[in-house]
Structure formats: C-alpha cells, structure tokens
C-alpha atoms as a PDB file:
ATOM      1  CA  MET A   1    -107.139  64.445   0.210  1.00  0.00           C
ATOM      2  CA  GLN A   2    -104.686  62.473   2.314  1.00  0.00           C
ATOM      3  CA  LEU A   3    -101.401  63.475   3.917  1.00  0.00           C
ATOM      4  CA  SER A   4     -98.020  61.913   3.312  1.00  0.00           C
ATOM      5  CA  VAL A   5     -94.589  62.831   4.609  1.00  0.00           C
ATOM      6  CA  GLN A   6     -91.181  62.268   3.065  1.00  0.00           C
ATOM      7  CA  GLU A   7     -89.236  59.431   4.609  1.00  0.00           C
ATOM      8  CA  GLN A   8     -86.154  61.464   5.597  1.00  0.00           C
ATOM      9  CA  LEU A   9     -88.280  63.677   7.871  1.00  0.00           C
ATOM     10  CA  LEU A  10     -89.497  60.783  10.004  1.00  0.00           C
ATOM     11  CA  PRO A  11     -87.749  59.366  13.066  1.00  0.00           C
ATOM     12  CA  GLY A  12     -87.174  55.625  13.046  1.00  0.00           C
ATOM     13  CA  ARG A  13     -84.669  53.084  11.748  1.00  0.00           C
ATOM     14  CA  THR A  14     -86.973  51.196   9.393  1.00  0.00           C
ATOM     15  CA  LEU A  15     -89.857  52.126   7.139  1.00  0.00           C
ATOM     16  CA  GLN A  16     -92.122  50.206   9.485  1.00  0.00           C
ATOM     17  CA  GLU A  17     -91.012  52.333  12.434  1.00  0.00           C
ATOM     18  CA  LYS A  18     -91.273  55.515  10.380  1.00  0.00           C
ATOM     19  CA  PHE A  19     -94.781  54.616   9.222  1.00  0.00           C
ATOM     20  CA  ALA A  20     -95.943  53.853  12.753  1.00  0.00           C
ATOM     21  CA  PHE A  21     -94.751  57.295  13.813  1.00  0.00           C
ATOM     22  CA  ALA A  22     -96.355  58.903  10.738  1.00  0.00           C
ATOM     23  CA  LEU A  23     -99.736  57.356  11.537  1.00  0.00           C
ATOM     24  CA  ASP A  24     -99.564  58.482  15.147  1.00  0.00           C
ATOM     25  CA  ALA A  25     -98.621  61.975  13.997  1.00  0.00           C
ATOM     26  CA  GLY A  26    -101.669  62.207  11.694  1.00  0.00           C
ATOM     27  CA  PHE A  27    -100.268  61.241   8.306  1.00  0.00           C
ATOM     28  CA  ASP A  28    -101.560  58.524   5.988  1.00  0.00           C
ATOM     29  CA  ALA A  29     -98.502  57.555   3.936  1.00  0.00           C
ATOM     30  CA  ILE A  30     -94.778  57.927   3.321  1.00  0.00           C
ATOM     31  CA  GLU A  31     -93.295  59.578   0.246  1.00  0.00           C
ATOM     32  CA  LEU A  32     -90.098  57.771  -0.754  1.00  0.00           C
ATOM     33  CA  ARG A  33     -86.908  59.334  -2.097  1.00  0.00           C
ATOM     34  CA  GLY A  34     -85.271  57.912  -5.223  1.00  0.00           C
ATOM     35  CA  LYS A  35     -81.499  58.288  -5.166  1.00  0.00           C
ATOM     36  CA  GLY A  36     -79.231  57.686  -8.169  1.00  0.00           C
ATOM     37  CA  ASP A  37     -76.891  54.808  -9.021  1.00  0.00           C
ATOM     38  CA  PHE A  38     -79.956  52.513  -9.054  1.00  0.00           C
ATOM     39  CA  HIS A  39     -80.012  52.770  -5.265  1.00  0.00           C
ATOM     40  CA  PHE A  40     -83.805  52.737  -5.238  1.00  0.00           C
ATOM     41  CA  ALA A  41     -83.906  49.377  -7.038  1.00  0.00           C
ATOM     42  CA  THR A  42     -81.525  47.908  -4.454  1.00  0.00           C
ATOM     43  CA  ARG A  43     -84.158  48.700  -1.822  1.00  0.00           C
ATOM     44  CA  LEU A  44     -86.809  46.509  -3.439  1.00  0.00           C
ATOM     45  CA  THR A  45     -86.604  43.737  -0.823  1.00  0.00           C
ATOM     46  CA  GLU A  46     -86.843  46.315   1.978  1.00  0.00           C
ATOM     47  CA  LEU A  47     -89.744  48.067   0.254  1.00  0.00           C
ATOM     48  CA  LYS A  48     -91.668  44.845  -0.420  1.00  0.00           C
ATOM     49  CA  ARG A  49     -91.245  43.796   3.198  1.00  0.00           C
ATOM     50  CA  ALA A  50     -92.572  47.173   4.333  1.00  0.00           C
ATOM     51  CA  LEU A  51     -95.493  46.887   1.915  1.00  0.00           C
ATOM     52  CA  ALA A  52     -96.341  43.449   3.306  1.00  0.00           C
ATOM     53  CA  ASP A  53     -96.333  45.014   6.777  1.00  0.00           C
ATOM     54  CA  GLY A  54     -98.895  47.594   5.693  1.00  0.00           C
ATOM     55  CA  VAL A  55     -96.665  50.596   4.985  1.00  0.00           C
ATOM     56  CA  VAL A  56     -98.333  52.897   2.449  1.00  0.00           C
ATOM     57  CA  MET A  57     -95.803  54.285  -0.069  1.00  0.00           C
ATOM     58  CA  PRO A  58     -97.630  55.775  -3.080  1.00  0.00           C
ATOM     59  CA  THR A  59     -95.025  58.114  -4.554  1.00  0.00           C
ATOM     60  CA  VAL A  60     -91.310  58.628  -5.150  1.00  0.00           C
ATOM     61  CA  CYS A  61     -89.534  61.989  -5.263  1.00  0.00           C
ATOM     62  CA  VAL A  62     -86.337  61.861  -7.283  1.00  0.00           C
ATOM     63  CA  ASP A  63     -83.214  62.644  -5.239  1.00  0.00           C
ATOM     64  CA  MET A  64     -80.356  62.593  -7.739  1.00  0.00           C
ATOM     65  CA  PRO A  65     -77.434  64.924  -8.575  1.00  0.00           C
ATOM     66  CA  HIS A  66     -78.521  65.286 -12.224  1.00  0.00           C
ATOM     67  CA  PHE A  67     -81.811  65.236 -14.079  1.00  0.00           C
ATOM     68  CA  ILE A  68     -83.569  64.616 -17.385  1.00  0.00           C
ATOM     69  CA  GLY A  69     -82.940  68.173 -18.616  1.00  0.00           C
ATOM     70  CA  ASP A  70     -79.196  68.159 -17.981  1.00  0.00           C
ATOM     71  CA  PHE A  71     -76.968  69.939 -20.497  1.00  0.00           C
ATOM     72  CA  ASP A  72     -74.685  66.892 -20.590  1.00  0.00           C
ATOM     73  CA  PRO A  73     -76.230  64.132 -22.768  1.00  0.00           C
ATOM     74  CA  VAL A  74     -74.459  61.400 -20.767  1.00  0.00           C
ATOM     75  CA  LEU A  75     -75.909  62.647 -17.492  1.00  0.00           C
ATOM     76  CA  ARG A  76     -79.290  63.143 -19.153  1.00  0.00           C
ATOM     77  CA  LYS A  77     -79.299  59.551 -20.401  1.00  0.00           C
ATOM     78  CA  ASP A  78     -78.373  58.296 -16.941  1.00  0.00           C
ATOM     79  CA  ALA A  79     -81.204  60.275 -15.347  1.00  0.00           C
ATOM     80  CA  ILE A  80     -83.699  58.717 -17.750  1.00  0.00           C
ATOM     81  CA  GLN A  81     -82.398  55.223 -16.972  1.00  0.00           C
ATOM     82  CA  GLN A  82     -82.576  55.907 -13.234  1.00  0.00           C
ATOM     83  CA  LEU A  83     -86.165  57.116 -13.511  1.00  0.00           C
ATOM     84  CA  ARG A  84     -87.177  54.138 -15.652  1.00  0.00           C
ATOM     85  CA  SER A  85     -85.877  51.911 -12.861  1.00  0.00           C
ATOM     86  CA  GLN A  86     -87.714  53.921 -10.205  1.00  0.00           C
ATOM     87  CA  LEU A  87     -90.945  53.703 -12.193  1.00  0.00           C
ATOM     88  CA  THR A  88     -90.559  49.930 -12.394  1.00  0.00           C
ATOM     89  CA  VAL A  89     -90.010  49.668  -8.634  1.00  0.00           C
ATOM     90  CA  ILE A  90     -92.948  51.863  -7.623  1.00  0.00           C
ATOM     91  CA  ALA A  91     -95.131  49.864 -10.013  1.00  0.00           C
ATOM     92  CA  GLU A  92     -94.117  46.659  -8.211  1.00  0.00           C
ATOM     93  CA  LEU A  93     -95.281  48.318  -4.988  1.00  0.00           C
ATOM     94  CA  GLY A  94     -98.638  49.256  -6.508  1.00  0.00           C
ATOM     95  CA  GLY A  95     -97.845  52.962  -6.194  1.00  0.00           C
ATOM     96  CA  ILE A  96     -98.898  56.015  -8.177  1.00  0.00           C
ATOM     97  CA  GLY A  97     -95.629  57.106  -9.734  1.00  0.00           C
ATOM     98  CA  VAL A  98     -92.420  59.097  -9.646  1.00  0.00           C
ATOM     99  CA  MET A  99     -91.923  62.860  -9.781  1.00  0.00           C
ATOM    100  CA  THR A 100     -88.988  64.808 -11.157  1.00  0.00           C
ATOM    101  CA  PRO A 101     -88.125  68.386 -12.088  1.00  0.00           C
ATOM    102  CA  ALA A 102     -86.561  69.143 -15.444  1.00  0.00           C
ATOM    103  CA  SER A 103     -83.389  69.861 -13.480  1.00  0.00           C
ATOM    104  CA  TRP A 104     -82.346  71.328 -10.159  1.00  0.00           C
ATOM    105  CA  GLY A 105     -79.531  73.772  -9.534  1.00  0.00           C
ATOM    106  CA  GLN A 106     -78.255  73.485 -13.086  1.00  0.00           C
ATOM    107  CA  PHE A 107     -78.968  77.006 -14.286  1.00  0.00           C
ATOM    108  CA  SER A 108     -80.997  80.128 -13.548  1.00  0.00           C
ATOM    109  CA  ARG A 109     -81.815  82.914 -15.975  1.00  0.00           C
ATOM    110  CA  ARG A 110     -82.089  85.197 -12.930  1.00  0.00           C
ATOM    111  CA  LEU A 111     -78.443  84.843 -11.923  1.00  0.00           C
ATOM    112  CA  PRO A 112     -75.196  85.467 -13.864  1.00  0.00           C
ATOM    113  CA  PRO A 113     -74.377  84.595 -16.599  1.00  0.00           C
ATOM    114  CA  PHE A 114     -78.160  84.788 -17.334  1.00  0.00           C
ATOM    115  CA  GLU A 115     -78.072  83.023 -20.720  1.00  0.00           C
ATOM    116  CA  PRO A 116     -77.879  79.209 -20.594  1.00  0.00           C
ATOM    117  CA  PRO A 117     -75.747  77.261 -23.071  1.00  0.00           C
ATOM    118  CA  ARG A 118     -78.880  75.777 -24.639  1.00  0.00           C
ATOM    119  CA  GLY A 119     -81.745  77.760 -26.160  1.00  0.00           C
ATOM    120  CA  PRO A 120     -85.436  77.391 -25.222  1.00  0.00           C
ATOM    121  CA  ASP A 121     -86.346  75.401 -28.336  1.00  0.00           C
ATOM    122  CA  GLU A 122     -83.647  72.836 -27.634  1.00  0.00           C
ATOM    123  CA  ASP A 123     -84.609  72.805 -23.963  1.00  0.00           C
ATOM    124  CA  ARG A 124     -88.110  71.854 -24.955  1.00  0.00           C
ATOM    125  CA  GLU A 125     -86.985  69.238 -27.456  1.00  0.00           C
ATOM    126  CA  VAL A 126     -84.683  67.567 -24.928  1.00  0.00           C
ATOM    127  CA  LEU A 127     -87.247  67.571 -22.133  1.00  0.00           C
ATOM    128  CA  ALA A 128     -90.137  66.415 -24.325  1.00  0.00           C
ATOM    129  CA  GLU A 129     -88.050  63.535 -25.648  1.00  0.00           C
ATOM    130  CA  ALA A 130     -87.106  62.411 -22.137  1.00  0.00           C
ATOM    131  CA  LEU A 131     -90.670  62.637 -20.875  1.00  0.00           C
ATOM    132  CA  THR A 132     -92.020  60.689 -23.841  1.00  0.00           C
ATOM    133  CA  THR A 133     -89.541  57.881 -23.154  1.00  0.00           C
ATOM    134  CA  LEU A 134     -90.524  57.874 -19.477  1.00  0.00           C
ATOM    135  CA  GLY A 135     -94.228  58.228 -20.251  1.00  0.00           C
ATOM    136  CA  GLU A 136     -94.113  55.152 -22.468  1.00  0.00           C
ATOM    137  CA  HIS A 137     -92.306  53.183 -19.759  1.00  0.00           C
ATOM    138  CA  ALA A 138     -94.810  54.408 -17.177  1.00  0.00           C
ATOM    139  CA  GLN A 139     -97.662  53.304 -19.433  1.00  0.00           C
ATOM    140  CA  ARG A 140     -96.262  49.785 -19.697  1.00  0.00           C
ATOM    141  CA  ASN A 141     -96.045  49.637 -15.913  1.00  0.00           C
ATOM    142  CA  GLY A 142     -99.352  51.284 -15.033  1.00  0.00           C
ATOM    143  CA  VAL A 143     -97.877  54.279 -13.194  1.00  0.00           C
ATOM    144  CA  LEU A 144     -97.215  57.995 -13.796  1.00  0.00           C
ATOM    145  CA  ILE A 145     -94.174  60.158 -14.425  1.00  0.00           C
ATOM    146  CA  MET A 146     -94.916  63.565 -12.873  1.00  0.00           C
ATOM    147  CA  LEU A 147     -93.112  66.770 -13.868  1.00  0.00           C
ATOM    148  CA  GLU A 148     -92.555  69.224 -11.014  1.00  0.00           C
ATOM    149  CA  PRO A 149     -92.072  72.940 -11.775  1.00  0.00           C
ATOM    150  CA  LEU A 150     -89.354  74.596  -9.677  1.00  0.00           C
ATOM    151  CA  ASN A 151     -88.798  78.267  -9.003  1.00  0.00           C
ATOM    152  CA  ARG A 152     -86.694  80.451 -11.318  1.00  0.00           C
ATOM    153  CA  TYR A 153     -83.622  80.314  -9.071  1.00  0.00           C
ATOM    154  CA  GLU A 154     -83.465  76.515  -9.079  1.00  0.00           C
ATOM    155  CA  ASN A 155     -84.478  75.721 -12.664  1.00  0.00           C
ATOM    156  CA  HIS A 156     -84.743  77.692 -15.906  1.00  0.00           C
ATOM    157  CA  MET A 157     -86.887  75.313 -17.964  1.00  0.00           C
ATOM    158  CA  VAL A 158     -90.191  74.675 -16.161  1.00  0.00           C
ATOM    159  CA  ASN A 159     -91.309  77.139 -13.487  1.00  0.00           C
ATOM    160  CA  THR A 160     -95.118  77.124 -13.492  1.00  0.00           C
ATOM    161  CA  LEU A 161     -97.918  74.579 -13.497  1.00  0.00           C
ATOM    162  CA  ALA A 162     -99.020  75.786 -16.924  1.00  0.00           C
ATOM    163  CA  GLU A 163     -95.532  75.216 -18.340  1.00  0.00           C
ATOM    164  CA  ALA A 164     -95.530  71.700 -16.905  1.00  0.00           C
ATOM    165  CA  VAL A 165     -98.993  71.023 -18.358  1.00  0.00           C
ATOM    166  CA  SER A 166     -97.665  71.876 -21.818  1.00  0.00           C
ATOM    167  CA  TYR A 167     -95.504  68.719 -21.636  1.00  0.00           C
ATOM    168  CA  CYS A 168     -98.416  66.398 -20.807  1.00  0.00           C
ATOM    169  CA  SER A 169     -98.544  64.807 -24.242  1.00  0.00           C
ATOM    170  CA  MET A 170     -99.831  61.444 -22.984  1.00  0.00           C
ATOM    171  CA  ASP A 171    -101.971  60.198 -20.119  1.00  0.00           C
ATOM    172  CA  THR A 172     -99.021  58.908 -18.111  1.00  0.00           C
ATOM    173  CA  ILE A 173     -97.211  62.279 -18.072  1.00  0.00           C
ATOM    174  CA  ARG A 174     -98.722  64.440 -15.367  1.00  0.00           C
ATOM    175  CA  VAL A 175     -97.895  67.409 -13.116  1.00  0.00           C
ATOM    176  CA  ALA A 176     -96.750  67.567  -9.494  1.00  0.00           C
ATOM    177  CA  GLY A 177     -97.258  70.939  -7.824  1.00  0.00           C
ATOM    178  CA  ASP A 178     -95.275  72.305  -4.892  1.00  0.00           C
ATOM    179  CA  THR A 179     -96.678  75.137  -2.779  1.00  0.00           C
ATOM    180  CA  TYR A 180     -93.220  76.574  -2.056  1.00  0.00           C
ATOM    181  CA  HIS A 181     -92.313  76.966  -5.735  1.00  0.00           C
ATOM    182  CA  MET A 182     -95.838  78.112  -6.587  1.00  0.00           C
ATOM    183  CA  ASN A 183     -95.540  80.861  -3.967  1.00  0.00           C
ATOM    184  CA  ILE A 184     -92.631  82.294  -6.003  1.00  0.00           C
ATOM    185  CA  GLU A 185     -93.792  81.642  -9.564  1.00  0.00           C
ATOM    186  CA  GLU A 186     -97.588  81.660  -9.817  1.00  0.00           C
ATOM    187  CA  ASP A 187     -99.347  85.013 -10.174  1.00  0.00           C
ATOM    188  CA  ASP A 188    -102.427  83.448  -8.626  1.00  0.00           C
ATOM    189  CA  PRO A 189    -101.773  79.995  -7.119  1.00  0.00           C
ATOM    190  CA  CYS A 190    -105.456  79.201  -6.703  1.00  0.00           C
ATOM    191  CA  ARG A 191    -106.291  80.018 -10.304  1.00  0.00           C
ATOM    192  CA  SER A 192    -103.255  78.052 -11.472  1.00  0.00           C
ATOM    193  CA  ILE A 193    -104.462  75.013  -9.529  1.00  0.00           C
ATOM    194  CA  LEU A 194    -107.897  75.207 -11.131  1.00  0.00           C
ATOM    195  CA  GLU A 195    -106.462  75.614 -14.636  1.00  0.00           C
ATOM    196  CA  ALA A 196    -104.037  72.714 -14.207  1.00  0.00           C
ATOM    197  CA  ALA A 197    -106.623  70.493 -12.505  1.00  0.00           C
ATOM    198  CA  PRO A 198    -107.027  67.859 -15.280  1.00  0.00           C
ATOM    199  CA  TYR A 199    -103.274  67.201 -15.236  1.00  0.00           C
ATOM    200  CA  LEU A 200    -102.498  67.619 -11.529  1.00  0.00           C
ATOM    201  CA  ALA A 201    -101.620  64.216 -10.097  1.00  0.00           C
ATOM    202  CA  HIS A 202     -99.707  65.125  -6.954  1.00  0.00           C
ATOM    203  CA  MET A 203     -99.019  67.991  -4.553  1.00  0.00           C
ATOM    204  CA  GLN A 204     -96.087  68.670  -2.260  1.00  0.00           C
ATOM    205  CA  VAL A 205     -96.599  71.110   0.579  1.00  0.00           C
ATOM    206  CA  SER A 206     -94.272  73.439   2.445  1.00  0.00           C
ATOM    207  CA  GLU A 207     -94.334  77.059   3.518  1.00  0.00           C
ATOM    208  CA  SER A 208     -93.248  80.254   1.796  1.00  0.00           C
ATOM    209  CA  ASN A 209     -89.979  79.928   3.767  1.00  0.00           C
ATOM    210  CA  ARG A 210     -89.537  76.213   2.892  1.00  0.00           C
ATOM    211  CA  ASN A 211     -90.271  75.217   6.489  1.00  0.00           C
ATOM    212  CA  GLN A 212     -93.336  73.302   7.639  1.00  0.00           C
ATOM    213  CA  PRO A 213     -96.818  74.692   6.875  1.00  0.00           C
ATOM    214  CA  GLY A 214     -97.922  77.243   9.443  1.00  0.00           C
ATOM    215  CA  THR A 215     -94.566  79.003   9.795  1.00  0.00           C
ATOM    216  CA  GLY A 216     -94.892  81.383   6.841  1.00  0.00           C
ATOM    217  CA  HIS A 217     -97.445  83.488   4.976  1.00  0.00           C
ATOM    218  CA  LEU A 218     -99.147  81.081   2.544  1.00  0.00           C
ATOM    219  CA  ASP A 219    -102.944  81.191   2.446  1.00  0.00           C
ATOM    220  CA  TRP A 220    -103.564  77.528   3.184  1.00  0.00           C
ATOM    221  CA  ALA A 221    -107.328  77.885   3.436  1.00  0.00           C
ATOM    222  CA  ALA A 222    -107.510  79.348  -0.068  1.00  0.00           C
ATOM    223  CA  GLN A 223    -105.083  76.919  -1.732  1.00  0.00           C
ATOM    224  CA  LEU A 224    -106.579  73.804  -0.169  1.00  0.00           C
ATOM    225  CA  ALA A 225    -110.064  75.065  -1.037  1.00  0.00           C
ATOM    226  CA  ALA A 226    -108.868  75.499  -4.637  1.00  0.00           C
ATOM    227  CA  LEU A 227    -107.590  71.924  -4.683  1.00  0.00           C
ATOM    228  CA  ASP A 228    -110.935  70.742  -3.352  1.00  0.00           C
ATOM    229  CA  ALA A 229    -112.813  72.793  -5.962  1.00  0.00           C
ATOM    230  CA  ALA A 230    -110.547  71.331  -8.632  1.00  0.00           C
ATOM    231  CA  GLY A 231    -111.579  67.836  -7.575  1.00  0.00           C
ATOM    232  CA  TYR A 232    -108.086  66.939  -6.433  1.00  0.00           C
ATOM    233  CA  ASP A 233    -108.224  63.780  -4.346  1.00  0.00           C
ATOM    234  CA  GLY A 234    -104.542  62.831  -4.238  1.00  0.00           C
ATOM    235  CA  TYR A 235    -101.884  63.175  -1.576  1.00  0.00           C
ATOM    236  CA  LEU A 236    -100.477  66.288   0.043  1.00  0.00           C
ATOM    237  CA  ALA A 237     -96.862  65.274   0.622  1.00  0.00           C
ATOM    238  CA  LEU A 238     -94.844  67.173   3.195  1.00  0.00           C
ATOM    239  CA  GLU A 239     -91.493  68.199   1.680  1.00  0.00           C
ATOM    240  CA  CYS A 240     -89.799  70.854   3.771  1.00  0.00           C
ATOM    241  CA  ARG A 241     -87.259  71.728   6.404  1.00  0.00           C
ATOM    242  CA  LEU A 242     -88.504  71.216   9.933  1.00  0.00           C
ATOM    243  CA  ARG A 243     -88.269  74.113  12.346  1.00  0.00           C
ATOM    244  CA  GLY A 244     -88.030  72.063  15.513  1.00  0.00           C
ATOM    245  CA  GLU A 245     -87.812  68.418  16.471  1.00  0.00           C
ATOM    246  CA  PRO A 246     -89.845  66.024  14.287  1.00  0.00           C
ATOM    247  CA  GLU A 247     -91.503  64.418  17.317  1.00  0.00           C
ATOM    248  CA  ILE A 248     -93.095  67.790  18.081  1.00  0.00           C
ATOM    249  CA  VAL A 249     -93.294  69.462  14.680  1.00  0.00           C
ATOM    250  CA  LEU A 250     -94.808  66.678  12.577  1.00  0.00           C
ATOM    251  CA  PRO A 251     -97.958  66.108  14.693  1.00  0.00           C
ATOM    252  CA  GLN A 252     -98.471  69.880  14.843  1.00  0.00           C
ATOM    253  CA  THR A 253     -98.084  70.147  11.069  1.00  0.00           C
ATOM    254  CA  ALA A 254    -100.533  67.358  10.291  1.00  0.00           C
ATOM    255  CA  SER A 255    -103.046  68.943  12.663  1.00  0.00           C
ATOM    256  CA  PHE A 256    -102.509  72.359  11.070  1.00  0.00           C
ATOM    257  CA  ILE A 257    -103.144  71.097   7.538  1.00  0.00           C
ATOM    258  CA  ARG A 258    -106.153  69.005   8.495  1.00  0.00           C
ATOM    259  CA  LYS A 259    -107.897  72.106   9.837  1.00  0.00           C
ATOM    260  CA  PHE A 260    -108.396  73.167   6.220  1.00  0.00           C
ATOM    261  CA  LEU A 261    -109.436  69.815   4.719  1.00  0.00           C
END
C-alpha cells in the first residue's frame, strides 16, 4: 500500500511544489479534487505539465455541489457529464479513476423530515443508471468510476461498503472506502473490508473525528491489517481536516500510518 494526500492539504503554489513537499513528508502521490463547471478539464495543461515533471496523481475525488443521485434530474445530468469529463482527464494522465458518493448533504433519513421525496426503489434505479453510463465511459477510457459510501447524516442512499458493492455491475464500477464513514456505519469495519475486497479499488483515511489519523480512536493496526489480508495494494489517500499546521502535521501523519504497513 502507498500513501497519497489530497492536494488542498499540501502547502505550495503549484502541483510540483506540493508534490515535492508530499515526498519529503512521506507520501507517494497526490489525490486531485474535481470541481464542477468542467473546471477539472480546464486544468489539463497544468496537470500534463505536472505529470511530465514526475508528479504522481492516480485518483480524483469529486468536489461538486451536486451529485449523480440528486433529486433534480437537471443537476443529476450535469453531475454525470462532469464525471465523464473527469474520467477522460484522469485517463489522459494514466491514472486509476474518479470517486464519487451518490450524493452529499442532500438528505438524511436520520434528520427531519426523515422521509426523502424519492423512494428506495427509485433511488436505486437512478443511481444504477448513472453508474452504468459512467462505467461504460470509464471502460472506453481504461479507468474506474468508484462509488464512495458516506455516513447516514451526509447521504441516505449508500452508507456501507456492502451497499456500494451491490452497484458494481461491471468491472469498471468499483468501491472507494473511507475510514471516517466506516467508523460510523460498519458494524465491523475489518470484516466489511474483507467482504468487499474483490470490489475495493481505493481507500481514503481519516480519524473518527475527521481529523488526521492518530487523533481519534480508530484501530489502525486492525484496519490496515484487514486491508493487507484482503490483498489490497492500492493507495491510502489522506482526506481529513488537519489539527495543526501542515508542515508539522503531514510528516507526523505519514509516519504514524507507516508504522502499521
């Protein structure tokens, strides 16, 4: 397993400067963020220049105001188009793929009014249709679209690894786990990792409190051992808030995680 860190956490003006810092801090790669309005595609020249300079950028985490499971069909269509574009760009960079939740902040069955305007069957139909479209585009480009489960307070459609696995209808649709969300939703995170292993293409890491690993109560030894037992050989991408200055916190975090690898 290798370590990556999301670009917004790194000091530096350019991706080259950010990557130099990341390497010195003990990371192996940068995870990019894919904003809406085709912003990610407008970065292609910047990204290709960084790639030519040796910057390793294997994955993209979607960073948009609406998602493929949106209640509004216009916004849903836009999210699919944005992700198609992001898949094309990461393919041009020789990367692994793009990850997205079904939605974020749209609805929670755990907060009033408790019942969403769309039923579970329609939720599934809408999400499966979007993922099939993206999976076919990913297949043409040799990359992956990865569905990330979020916790029950941030998303009502896909909360666990097993639920995400149920949407993996083709080889280019895979699952991205996140230790923060798993801490809330999985009865047994280690068992869930092992059961989802054939479909698990990516992992994001942060603590039980959404800060950097080592500041909360997650059992990192057990979860990283489960990933190893599952044969996971992908990236562990740091996605969190930083408690402290990045110049101090990021090297400490990389060192903390590597103790268990």
